[in-house]
C-alpha atoms as a PDB file:
ATOM      1  CA  UNK A   1     113.039 108.852 105.414  1.00  0.00           C
ATOM      2  CA  UNK A   2     109.278 109.294 105.634  1.00  0.00           C
ATOM      3  CA  UNK A   3     107.731 107.820 108.796  1.00  0.00           C
ATOM      4  CA  UNK A   4     104.156 106.631 109.339  1.00  0.00           C
ATOM      5  CA  UNK A   5     102.970 106.963 112.948  1.00  0.00           C
ATOM      6  CA  UNK A   6      99.753 105.044 113.701  1.00  0.00           C
ATOM      7  CA  UNK A   7      97.839 106.874 116.438  1.00  0.00           C
ATOM      8  CA  UNK A   8      96.556 104.526 119.112  1.00  0.00           C
ATOM      9  CA  UNK A   9      93.790 107.004 119.970  1.00  0.00           C
ATOM     10  CA  UNK A  10      91.775 105.184 117.289  1.00  0.00           C
ATOM     11  CA  UNK A  11      92.825 101.664 118.300  1.00  0.00           C
ATOM     12  CA  UNK A  12      90.753  99.086 120.192  1.00  0.00           C
ATOM     13  CA  UNK A  13      91.913  99.637 123.771  1.00  0.00           C
ATOM     14  CA  UNK A  14      90.532  96.282 124.889  1.00  0.00           C
ATOM     15  CA  UNK A  15      93.408  94.695 122.949  1.00  0.00           C
ATOM     16  CA  UNK A  16      95.857  97.554 122.656  1.00  0.00           C
ATOM     17  CA  UNK A  17      99.052  95.515 122.585  1.00  0.00           C
ATOM     18  CA  UNK A  18      97.776  93.404 119.704  1.00  0.00           C
ATOM     19  CA  UNK A  19      96.601  96.501 117.848  1.00  0.00           C
ATOM     20  CA  UNK A  20     100.015  98.158 118.142  1.00  0.00           C
ATOM     21  CA  UNK A  21     101.767  94.975 117.026  1.00  0.00           C
ATOM     22  CA  UNK A  22      99.443  94.744 114.030  1.00  0.00           C
ATOM     23  CA  UNK A  23      99.996  98.367 113.010  1.00  0.00           C
ATOM     24  CA  UNK A  24     103.779  98.053 113.215  1.00  0.00           C
ATOM     25  CA  UNK A  25     103.756  94.703 111.397  1.00  0.00           C
ATOM     26  CA  UNK A  26     101.627  96.352 108.707  1.00  0.00           C
ATOM     27  CA  UNK A  27     104.355  98.904 108.039  1.00  0.00           C
ATOM     28  CA  UNK A  28     103.971 101.564 110.710  1.00  0.00           C
ATOM     29  CA  UNK A  29     107.212 103.075 112.020  1.00  0.00           C
ATOM     30  CA  UNK A  30     106.327 104.958 115.189  1.00  0.00           C
ATOM     31  CA  UNK A  31     103.585 104.554 117.815  1.00  0.00           C
ATOM     32  CA  UNK A  32     101.800 107.885 118.288  1.00  0.00           C
ATOM     33  CA  UNK A  33     100.531 108.254 121.847  1.00  0.00           C
ATOM     34  CA  UNK A  34      97.969 110.995 122.517  1.00  0.00           C
ATOM     35  CA  UNK A  35      97.717 112.277 126.093  1.00  0.00           C
ATOM     36  CA  UNK A  36      94.721 114.496 126.914  1.00  0.00           C
ATOM     37  CA  UNK A  37      93.802 115.895 130.311  1.00  0.00           C
ATOM     38  CA  UNK A  38      90.201 117.223 130.029  1.00  0.00           C
ATOM     39  CA  UNK A  39      91.722 120.609 130.870  1.00  0.00           C
ATOM     40  CA  UNK A  40      93.929 121.840 128.033  1.00  0.00           C
ATOM     41  CA  UNK A  41      91.715 119.871 125.633  1.00  0.00           C
ATOM     42  CA  UNK A  42      88.126 118.640 126.174  1.00  0.00           C
ATOM     43  CA  UNK A  43      88.914 114.947 126.370  1.00  0.00           C
ATOM     44  CA  UNK A  44      90.592 112.499 128.747  1.00  0.00           C
ATOM     45  CA  UNK A  45      92.768 109.673 127.471  1.00  0.00           C
ATOM     46  CA  UNK A  46      95.783 107.783 128.798  1.00  0.00           C
ATOM     47  CA  UNK A  47      98.902 108.223 130.895  1.00  0.00           C
ATOM     48  CA  UNK A  48     102.374 106.805 131.564  1.00  0.00           C
ATOM     49  CA  UNK A  49     101.075 103.477 132.900  1.00  0.00           C
ATOM     50  CA  UNK A  50      99.723 102.594 129.447  1.00  0.00           C
ATOM     51  CA  UNK A  51     103.014 103.551 127.808  1.00  0.00           C
ATOM     52  CA  UNK A  52     104.889 101.384 130.300  1.00  0.00           C
ATOM     53  CA  UNK A  53     102.448  98.531 129.689  1.00  0.00           C
ATOM     54  CA  UNK A  54     103.132  98.629 125.950  1.00  0.00           C
ATOM     55  CA  UNK A  55     106.865  98.400 126.606  1.00  0.00           C
ATOM     56  CA  UNK A  56     106.355  95.490 129.007  1.00  0.00           C
ATOM     57  CA  UNK A  57     104.136  93.827 126.413  1.00  0.00           C
ATOM     58  CA  UNK A  58     107.108  93.925 124.051  1.00  0.00           C
ATOM     59  CA  UNK A  59     106.583  96.940 121.812  1.00  0.00           C
ATOM     60  CA  UNK A  60     110.022  97.955 120.509  1.00  0.00           C
ATOM     61  CA  UNK A  61     109.040 100.693 118.040  1.00  0.00           C
ATOM     62  CA  UNK A  62     109.660 104.338 118.976  1.00  0.00           C
ATOM     63  CA  UNK A  63     106.818 105.830 121.026  1.00  0.00           C
ATOM     64  CA  UNK A  64     105.902 109.408 120.143  1.00  0.00           C
ATOM     65  CA  UNK A  65     104.154 110.942 123.160  1.00  0.00           C
ATOM     66  CA  UNK A  66     102.058 114.022 122.344  1.00  0.00           C
ATOM     67  CA  UNK A  67     101.143 115.868 125.546  1.00  0.00           C
ATOM     68  CA  UNK A  68      97.889 117.808 125.202  1.00  0.00           C
ATOM     69  CA  UNK A  69      97.972 118.762 128.858  1.00  0.00           C
ATOM     70  CA  UNK A  70      98.669 121.737 131.104  1.00  0.00           C
ATOM     71  CA  UNK A  71     101.039 121.923 132.930  1.00  0.00           C
ATOM     72  CA  UNK A  72     103.486 119.480 131.344  1.00  0.00           C
ATOM     73  CA  UNK A  73     106.633 119.394 133.472  1.00  0.00           C
ATOM     74  CA  UNK A  74     105.291 117.153 136.233  1.00  0.00           C
ATOM     75  CA  UNK A  75     104.492 114.298 133.840  1.00  0.00           C
ATOM     76  CA  UNK A  76     107.632 114.404 131.650  1.00  0.00           C
ATOM     77  CA  UNK A  77     109.844 112.259 133.955  1.00  0.00           C
ATOM     78  CA  UNK A  78     107.065 109.673 134.262  1.00  0.00           C
ATOM     79  CA  UNK A  79     106.733 109.249 130.501  1.00  0.00           C
ATOM     80  CA  UNK A  80     110.494 109.100 130.103  1.00  0.00           C
ATOM     81  CA  UNK A  81     110.649 106.316 132.691  1.00  0.00           C
ATOM     82  CA  UNK A  82     107.727 104.575 130.977  1.00  0.00           C
ATOM     83  CA  UNK A  83     109.661 104.257 127.712  1.00  0.00           C
ATOM     84  CA  UNK A  84     108.791 107.298 125.591  1.00  0.00           C
ATOM     85  CA  UNK A  85     111.104 108.118 122.685  1.00  0.00           C
ATOM     86  CA  UNK A  86     109.749 111.530 121.680  1.00  0.00           C
ATOM     87  CA  UNK A  87     107.873 113.833 124.053  1.00  0.00           C
ATOM     88  CA  UNK A  88     106.189 116.845 122.454  1.00  0.00           C
ATOM     89  CA  UNK A  89     104.099 119.539 124.084  1.00  0.00           C
ATOM     90  CA  UNK A  90     102.163 122.690 123.222  1.00  0.00           C
ATOM     91  CA  UNK A  91     103.764 126.034 124.123  1.00  0.00           C
ATOM     92  CA  UNK A  92     100.486 126.993 125.807  1.00  0.00           C
ATOM     93  CA  UNK A  93     101.022 124.085 128.215  1.00  0.00           C
ATOM     94  CA  UNK A  94     104.285 125.326 129.717  1.00  0.00           C
ATOM     95  CA  UNK A  95     105.147 128.414 131.731  1.00  0.00           C
ATOM     96  CA  UNK A  96     108.815 128.100 130.746  1.00  0.00           C
ATOM     97  CA  UNK A  97     109.125 126.485 127.325  1.00  0.00           C
ATOM     98  CA  UNK A  98     112.917 126.377 127.232  1.00  0.00           C
ATOM     99  CA  UNK A  99     112.971 124.707 130.640  1.00  0.00           C
ATOM    100  CA  UNK A 100     110.466 122.068 129.534  1.00  0.00           C
ATOM    101  CA  UNK A 101     112.499 121.283 126.407  1.00  0.00           C
ATOM    102  CA  UNK A 102     115.587 120.879 128.581  1.00  0.00           C
ATOM    103  CA  UNK A 103     113.707 118.659 131.022  1.00  0.00           C
ATOM    104  CA  UNK A 104     112.646 116.312 128.223  1.00  0.00           C
ATOM    105  CA  UNK A 105     116.202 116.016 126.927  1.00  0.00           C
ATOM    106  CA  UNK A 106     117.661 115.599 130.423  1.00  0.00           C
ATOM    107  CA  UNK A 107     115.440 112.546 130.855  1.00  0.00           C
ATOM    108  CA  UNK A 108     116.754 110.944 127.687  1.00  0.00           C
ATOM    109  CA  UNK A 109     113.908 111.723 125.291  1.00  0.00           C
ATOM    110  CA  UNK A 110     113.709 113.749 122.081  1.00  0.00           C
ATOM    111  CA  UNK A 111     111.822 117.027 122.601  1.00  0.00           C
ATOM    112  CA  UNK A 112     109.164 118.349 120.267  1.00  0.00           C
ATOM    113  CA  UNK A 113     106.996 121.465 120.127  1.00  0.00           C
ATOM    114  CA  UNK A 114     103.397 121.306 118.873  1.00  0.00           C
ATOM    115  CA  UNK A 115     101.485 124.015 117.024  1.00  0.00           C
ATOM    116  CA  UNK A 116      97.703 124.162 116.764  1.00  0.00           C
ATOM    117  CA  UNK A 117      96.256 125.458 113.477  1.00  0.00           C
ATOM    118  CA  UNK A 118      95.979 129.017 114.851  1.00  0.00           C
ATOM    119  CA  UNK A 119      99.179 129.041 116.954  1.00  0.00           C
ATOM    120  CA  UNK A 120     101.939 131.349 115.742  1.00  0.00           C
ATOM    121  CA  UNK A 121     105.261 129.803 114.711  1.00  0.00           C
ATOM    122  CA  UNK A 122     107.081 132.625 116.501  1.00  0.00           C
ATOM    123  CA  UNK A 123     107.954 130.219 119.305  1.00  0.00           C
ATOM    124  CA  UNK A 124     110.411 128.565 116.893  1.00  0.00           C
ATOM    125  CA  UNK A 125     112.468 131.772 116.793  1.00  0.00           C
ATOM    126  CA  UNK A 126     113.738 130.824 120.251  1.00  0.00           C
ATOM    127  CA  UNK A 127     113.497 127.039 120.339  1.00  0.00           C
ATOM    128  CA  UNK A 128     114.217 125.383 116.979  1.00  0.00           C
ATOM    129  CA  UNK A 129     117.902 124.885 117.796  1.00  0.00           C
ATOM    130  CA  UNK A 130     116.854 122.758 120.789  1.00  0.00           C
ATOM    131  CA  UNK A 131     114.178 120.576 119.162  1.00  0.00           C
ATOM    132  CA  UNK A 132     114.180 117.173 117.461  1.00  0.00           C
ATOM    133  CA  UNK A 133     110.561 117.425 116.323  1.00  0.00           C
ATOM    134  CA  UNK A 134     108.041 120.054 115.265  1.00  0.00           C
ATOM    135  CA  UNK A 135     104.448 118.804 115.172  1.00  0.00           C
ATOM    136  CA  UNK A 136     101.839 120.697 113.168  1.00  0.00           C
ATOM    137  CA  UNK A 137      98.251 119.962 114.129  1.00  0.00           C
ATOM    138  CA  UNK A 138      96.008 119.794 111.069  1.00  0.00           C
ATOM    139  CA  UNK A 139      92.916 119.652 113.295  1.00  0.00           C
ATOM    140  CA  UNK A 140      92.132 121.367 116.572  1.00  0.00           C
ATOM    141  CA  UNK A 141      93.324 118.941 119.253  1.00  0.00           C
ATOM    142  CA  UNK A 142      91.013 116.988 121.499  1.00  0.00           C
ATOM    143  CA  UNK A 143      89.349 114.270 119.464  1.00  0.00           C
ATOM    144  CA  UNK A 144      90.241 111.687 116.845  1.00  0.00           C
ATOM    145  CA  UNK A 145      88.489 111.339 113.509  1.00  0.00           C
ATOM    146  CA  UNK A 146      88.370 115.053 112.640  1.00  0.00           C
ATOM    147  CA  UNK A 147      88.643 116.486 109.126  1.00  0.00           C
ATOM    148  CA  UNK A 148      92.008 117.742 107.857  1.00  0.00           C
ATOM    149  CA  UNK A 149      92.364 121.557 107.784  1.00  0.00           C
ATOM    150  CA  UNK A 150      94.115 122.363 104.470  1.00  0.00           C
ATOM    151  CA  UNK A 151      95.062 125.880 105.578  1.00  0.00           C
ATOM    152  CA  UNK A 152      97.803 124.233 107.668  1.00  0.00           C
ATOM    153  CA  UNK A 153      99.753 123.244 104.531  1.00  0.00           C
ATOM    154  CA  UNK A 154     101.543 126.623 104.155  1.00  0.00           C
ATOM    155  CA  UNK A 155     102.461 126.399 107.826  1.00  0.00           C
ATOM    156  CA  UNK A 156     104.073 122.999 107.249  1.00  0.00           C
ATOM    157  CA  UNK A 157     106.013 124.516 104.350  1.00  0.00           C
ATOM    158  CA  UNK A 158     107.237 127.366 106.543  1.00  0.00           C
ATOM    159  CA  UNK A 159     108.441 124.960 109.230  1.00  0.00           C
ATOM    160  CA  UNK A 160     110.263 122.913 106.589  1.00  0.00           C
ATOM    161  CA  UNK A 161     111.916 126.108 105.330  1.00  0.00           C
ATOM    162  CA  UNK A 162     113.059 127.011 108.840  1.00  0.00           C
ATOM    163  CA  UNK A 163     114.374 123.507 109.512  1.00  0.00           C
ATOM    164  CA  UNK A 164     116.303 123.499 106.232  1.00  0.00           C
ATOM    165  CA  UNK A 165     117.796 126.900 107.041  1.00  0.00           C
ATOM    166  CA  UNK A 166     118.855 125.663 110.472  1.00  0.00           C
ATOM    167  CA  UNK A 167     120.831 122.765 109.006  1.00  0.00           C
ATOM    168  CA  UNK A 168     119.595 120.553 111.836  1.00  0.00           C
ATOM    169  CA  UNK A 169     117.937 117.144 111.608  1.00  0.00           C
ATOM    170  CA  UNK A 170     114.464 118.011 112.901  1.00  0.00           C
ATOM    171  CA  UNK A 171     111.388 115.946 112.093  1.00  0.00           C
ATOM    172  CA  UNK A 172     108.385 117.824 110.669  1.00  0.00           C
ATOM    173  CA  UNK A 173     105.322 115.907 111.798  1.00  0.00           C
ATOM    174  CA  UNK A 174     101.667 116.415 110.867  1.00  0.00           C
ATOM    175  CA  UNK A 175      98.727 115.124 112.897  1.00  0.00           C
ATOM    176  CA  UNK A 176      95.005 115.349 112.239  1.00  0.00           C
ATOM    177  CA  UNK A 177      92.740 113.917 109.570  1.00  0.00           C
ATOM    178  CA  UNK A 178      95.619 112.371 107.607  1.00  0.00           C
ATOM    179  CA  UNK A 179      94.313 109.885 105.047  1.00  0.00           C
ATOM    180  CA  UNK A 180      95.403 108.289 101.784  1.00  0.00           C
ATOM    181  CA  UNK A 181      93.826 111.115  99.767  1.00  0.00           C
ATOM    182  CA  UNK A 182      95.598 114.003 101.526  1.00  0.00           C
ATOM    183  CA  UNK A 183      98.904 112.600 102.791  1.00  0.00           C
ATOM    184  CA  UNK A 184     100.658 113.540  99.536  1.00  0.00           C
ATOM    185  CA  UNK A 185      99.740 117.202 100.028  1.00  0.00           C
ATOM    186  CA  UNK A 186     101.265 117.136 103.510  1.00  0.00           C
ATOM    187  CA  UNK A 187     104.397 115.467 102.162  1.00  0.00           C
ATOM    188  CA  UNK A 188     104.687 117.993  99.341  1.00  0.00           C
ATOM    189  CA  UNK A 189     104.455 120.802 101.889  1.00  0.00           C
ATOM    190  CA  UNK A 190     107.417 119.324 103.755  1.00  0.00           C
ATOM    191  CA  UNK A 191     106.174 116.883 106.380  1.00  0.00           C
ATOM    192  CA  UNK A 192     108.241 113.732 106.864  1.00  0.00           C
ATOM    193  CA  UNK A 193     106.345 112.089 109.736  1.00  0.00           C
ATOM    194  CA  UNK A 194     102.628 111.400 109.382  1.00  0.00           C
ATOM    195  CA  UNK A 195     100.230 110.572 112.209  1.00  0.00           C
ATOM    196  CA  UNK A 196      97.219 108.542 111.113  1.00  0.00           C
ATOM    197  CA  UNK A 197      94.644 107.156 113.509  1.00  0.00           C
ATOM    198  CA  UNK A 198      91.197 106.352 112.163  1.00  0.00           C
ATOM    199  CA  UNK A 199      92.561 106.010 108.619  1.00  0.00           C
ATOM    200  CA  UNK A 200      94.621 103.013 109.750  1.00  0.00           C
ATOM    201  CA  UNK A 201      92.778 101.514 112.714  1.00  0.00           C
ATOM    202  CA  UNK A 202      89.389 102.113 111.077  1.00  0.00           C
ATOM    203  CA  UNK A 203      90.406 100.233 107.937  1.00  0.00           C
ATOM    204  CA  UNK A 204      89.905  96.530 107.329  1.00  0.00           C
ATOM    205  CA  UNK A 205      93.480  96.041 106.116  1.00  0.00           C
ATOM    206  CA  UNK A 206      96.114  98.052 107.994  1.00  0.00           C
ATOM    207  CA  UNK A 207      98.909  96.973 105.646  1.00  0.00           C
ATOM    208  CA  UNK A 208      97.000  97.935 102.507  1.00  0.00           C
ATOM    209  CA  UNK A 209      96.213 101.363 103.950  1.00  0.00           C
ATOM    210  CA  UNK A 210      99.819 102.019 104.939  1.00  0.00           C
ATOM    211  CA  UNK A 211     101.057 100.826 101.541  1.00  0.00           C
ATOM    212  CA  UNK A 212      98.629 103.227  99.859  1.00  0.00           C
ATOM    213  CA  UNK A 213      99.899 106.056 102.060  1.00  0.00           C
ATOM    214  CA  UNK A 214     103.497 105.306 101.178  1.00  0.00           C
ATOM    215  CA  UNK A 215     102.644 105.133  97.491  1.00  0.00           C
ATOM    216  CA  UNK A 216     100.999 108.551  97.705  1.00  0.00           C
ATOM    217  CA  UNK A 217     104.005 110.012  99.527  1.00  0.00           C
ATOM    218  CA  UNK A 218     106.405 108.515  96.990  1.00  0.00           C
ATOM    219  CA  UNK A 219     104.723 110.481  94.195  1.00  0.00           C
ATOM    220  CA  UNK A 220     105.945 113.737  95.706  1.00  0.00           C
ATOM    221  CA  UNK A 221     108.885 112.542  97.810  1.00  0.00           C
ATOM    222  CA  UNK A 222     110.895 110.001  95.775  1.00  0.00           C
ATOM    223  CA  UNK A 223     113.024 107.759  97.934  1.00  0.00           C
ATOM    224  CA  UNK A 224     110.836 108.277 101.010  1.00  0.00           C
END
């Protein structure tokens, strides 16, 4: 199943609960939650209190927390308690990657590892058997609204090959500049979870945009 994950980084934070409800009602599957620390990346966003607030507001959809912070271990239990479903982190953000993956799972969440465009996939040699999610960044992290980097497509394909060889059910997620006109290329490469921020929240009709994305995916991934 192909999942669309609206990224709240591009939502109107003055009415965040309504925005999330609208995106899910429009056909979104997963709430993508970008956490930036003005240290690992040059931006500062939101923390566990906002995640908890969305749950209290009534958001039932899975929440996909992407930690663009360093270090990560201290904040993992807080996001788990706040209602996160997935928690993914960059290998550069942890001193002991295996320990961080275990910490996420111990707190009842699904662990993911995130790769920037120039980050080697070698980390997967030691971690893929412990992951539920691999996230490929198709922009350099830090800001929303950036342009998709097409050179990431072969990297997505390589992750899909590794996941298939493992025989495990691991999501292959792509995040960065995903729009109606390039989502099919990401799907063809092997992604099955698509983060879209400005493409959805910057459109006048969230449902029409998500329908167009699904139609594009269906051309290369029948039954998605």
